[in-house]
Every structure is written in C-alpha cells, then in structure tokens.
Amino acid sequence: MSFDLSVWALMDGATPEDVRAAVQRCRQGEHARRQPDHRLVAFYRAITASYPDRPAAQGTPWEVAPLHAAADHIEMNLNPACEDQVLLDIERLAGEHRLMLFDAQDGSVYPPPARVPH
C-alpha cells in the first residue's frame, strides 16, 4: 500500500481547511480549468530531477508513476519503503515553493514553513 502525499498551490493565506476542501473537490472530480500554477511546475521539476517519474524506473520512491499533476496540485503515491530523505526533500521543496502539503493518511495539512530572514 502506498503512502500518499499531495502538494497544493492555493492562494496566499490559505488555511488547512481550504486545502481539505480542495482535496474533496478533486476527489469528487471537480478540477480547476486553468494553466498549472508556476509553483507546482517548479516543484515538479525539482522533485523529479532527484527522483525521476518518467519513465517509471525501479528504485524510485514512486509507487505510481508518472506523478498525478493538475493545475493546482501534484499527487505523489510513495512506496512505503522509500527513504526518509525523500519525505524530507518533498517537505523542503514544498516550503521553498510556498505549497501546502496534504497527508492523505490522516488528513494533516502542513503549511510552508515561515521564511527566516538571513
């Protein structure tokens, strides 16, 4: 059984409830009819540069490949035996690209970490 995460490109200030509502709309077949959000495009390029999903290859963390990409989210079905580093990379990249992270196992939503001034 896969471990499922998705990243969501919602408006700034979106709440965990907004993410859960977007997930529900997606599950009901309601999808945004627009161009993919630039943050998702950047996230996809970054995560697949480290963990390719095309072509699906043995040894990748993906239980399902290619990744499901929509205009406002990317769904990742991970092999439950994937390395912790994959999860850390997903979390880091979600934060870098200001994406909300949804954990389908328990419905948790993780907003991007606040940027720390340098």
Protein backbone atom coordinates (compact mmCIF):
# COMPACT_ATOMS: atom_id res chain seq x y z
CA MET A 1 0.00 0.00 0.00
CA SER A 2 1.36 3.41 -0.93
CA PHE A 3 1.99 6.40 1.28
CA ASP A 4 0.14 9.31 -0.32
CA LEU A 5 1.07 12.99 -0.19
CA SER A 6 0.00 15.91 -2.32
CA VAL A 7 1.19 19.48 -2.63
CA TRP A 8 -1.31 22.27 -3.26
CA ALA A 9 -0.87 25.69 -4.82
CA LEU A 10 -3.61 27.74 -3.21
CA MET A 11 -3.81 31.47 -2.67
CA ASP A 12 -1.58 33.08 -0.08
CA GLY A 13 -3.23 32.86 3.32
CA ALA A 14 -4.96 29.56 2.53
CA THR A 15 -5.83 27.54 5.62
CA PRO A 16 -5.67 23.79 6.22
CA GLU A 17 -9.46 23.79 5.82
CA ASP A 18 -9.06 25.35 2.35
CA VAL A 19 -6.69 22.54 1.39
CA ARG A 20 -9.04 19.84 2.70
CA ALA A 21 -11.91 21.42 0.74
CA ALA A 22 -9.76 21.42 -2.44
CA VAL A 23 -8.88 17.75 -1.85
CA GLN A 24 -12.59 16.91 -1.51
CA ARG A 25 -13.43 18.76 -4.73
CA CYS A 26 -10.67 16.82 -6.52
CA ARG A 27 -11.96 13.50 -5.17
CA GLN A 28 -15.41 14.42 -6.50
CA GLY A 29 -13.94 15.06 -9.94
CA GLU A 30 -14.03 18.87 -9.77
CA HIS A 31 -10.79 20.28 -11.18
CA ALA A 32 -9.60 23.79 -11.89
CA ARG A 33 -9.65 24.70 -15.58
CA ARG A 34 -6.55 26.84 -15.83
CA GLN A 35 -2.87 26.71 -16.54
CA PRO A 36 -0.73 24.89 -13.97
CA ASP A 37 0.46 27.13 -11.17
CA HIS A 38 4.11 28.13 -11.68
CA ARG A 39 4.96 26.99 -8.15
CA LEU A 40 3.79 23.47 -8.99
CA VAL A 41 5.77 23.43 -12.22
CA ALA A 42 8.92 24.42 -10.30
CA PHE A 43 8.23 21.83 -7.58
CA TYR A 44 7.65 19.08 -10.16
CA ARG A 45 10.87 19.89 -11.99
CA ALA A 46 12.84 19.92 -8.74
CA ILE A 47 11.44 16.70 -7.25
CA THR A 48 11.68 14.74 -10.49
CA ALA A 49 15.24 15.96 -11.06
CA SER A 50 16.17 13.99 -7.93
CA TYR A 51 13.56 11.24 -8.26
CA PRO A 52 12.53 10.77 -11.91
CA ASP A 53 8.99 9.63 -12.65
CA ARG A 54 9.33 9.30 -16.45
CA PRO A 55 9.96 6.66 -17.38
CA ALA A 56 8.93 4.75 -14.31
CA ALA A 57 12.06 3.01 -13.14
CA GLN A 58 12.90 0.54 -10.44
CA GLY A 59 14.47 2.08 -7.40
CA THR A 60 12.44 5.30 -7.48
CA PRO A 61 10.31 6.16 -4.47
CA TRP A 62 7.14 6.33 -6.57
CA GLU A 63 4.57 3.59 -6.16
CA VAL A 64 2.64 5.16 -9.06
CA ALA A 65 4.40 6.91 -11.94
CA PRO A 66 4.20 9.31 -13.55
CA LEU A 67 3.05 11.61 -10.76
CA HIS A 68 -0.51 12.92 -10.99
CA ALA A 69 -0.21 16.62 -11.83
CA ALA A 70 -3.15 19.04 -12.08
CA ALA A 71 -3.39 22.82 -12.32
CA ASP A 72 -3.49 23.27 -8.55
CA HIS A 73 -1.85 20.16 -7.09
CA ILE A 74 0.53 17.24 -7.55
CA GLU A 75 -0.27 13.87 -6.01
CA MET A 76 2.59 11.58 -5.03
CA ASN A 77 1.99 7.91 -4.22
CA LEU A 78 5.16 6.82 -2.47
CA ASN A 79 6.48 3.35 -1.91
CA PRO A 80 6.13 2.79 1.86
CA ALA A 81 9.74 1.61 1.96
CA CYS A 82 11.12 4.82 0.44
CA GLU A 83 13.93 6.53 2.27
CA ASP A 84 13.18 9.26 4.80
CA GLN A 85 15.27 11.62 2.69
CA VAL A 86 12.57 11.56 0.00
CA LEU A 87 9.99 12.82 2.50
CA LEU A 88 12.40 15.47 3.75
CA ASP A 89 13.04 16.60 0.18
CA ILE A 90 9.30 16.81 -0.55
CA GLU A 91 8.73 18.85 2.61
CA ARG A 92 11.68 21.15 1.86
CA LEU A 93 10.64 21.75 -1.74
CA ALA A 94 7.02 22.35 -0.75
CA GLY A 95 8.24 25.06 1.62
CA GLU A 96 10.60 26.59 -0.94
CA HIS A 97 7.76 26.84 -3.46
CA ARG A 98 5.11 28.03 -0.93
CA LEU A 99 2.94 24.94 -1.37
CA MET A 100 0.68 23.33 1.21
CA LEU A 101 1.41 19.65 1.91
CA PHE A 102 -1.53 17.27 2.43
CA ASP A 103 -1.02 13.89 4.10
CA ALA A 104 -3.80 11.60 2.84
CA GLN A 105 -3.21 9.05 5.60
CA ASP A 106 -4.58 11.25 8.38
CA GLY A 107 -5.75 14.43 6.65
CA SER A 108 -2.96 16.56 8.11
CA VAL A 109 -2.03 19.76 6.30
CA TYR A 110 1.37 21.34 6.64
CA PRO A 111 1.69 24.95 5.59
CA PRO A 112 5.03 26.07 4.22
CA PRO A 113 7.48 26.99 6.95
CA ALA A 114 7.84 30.71 7.57
CA ARG A 115 10.83 32.18 5.82
CA VAL A 116 13.59 33.09 8.20
CA PRO A 117 15.42 36.32 7.33
CA HIS A 118 19.10 35.81 6.58
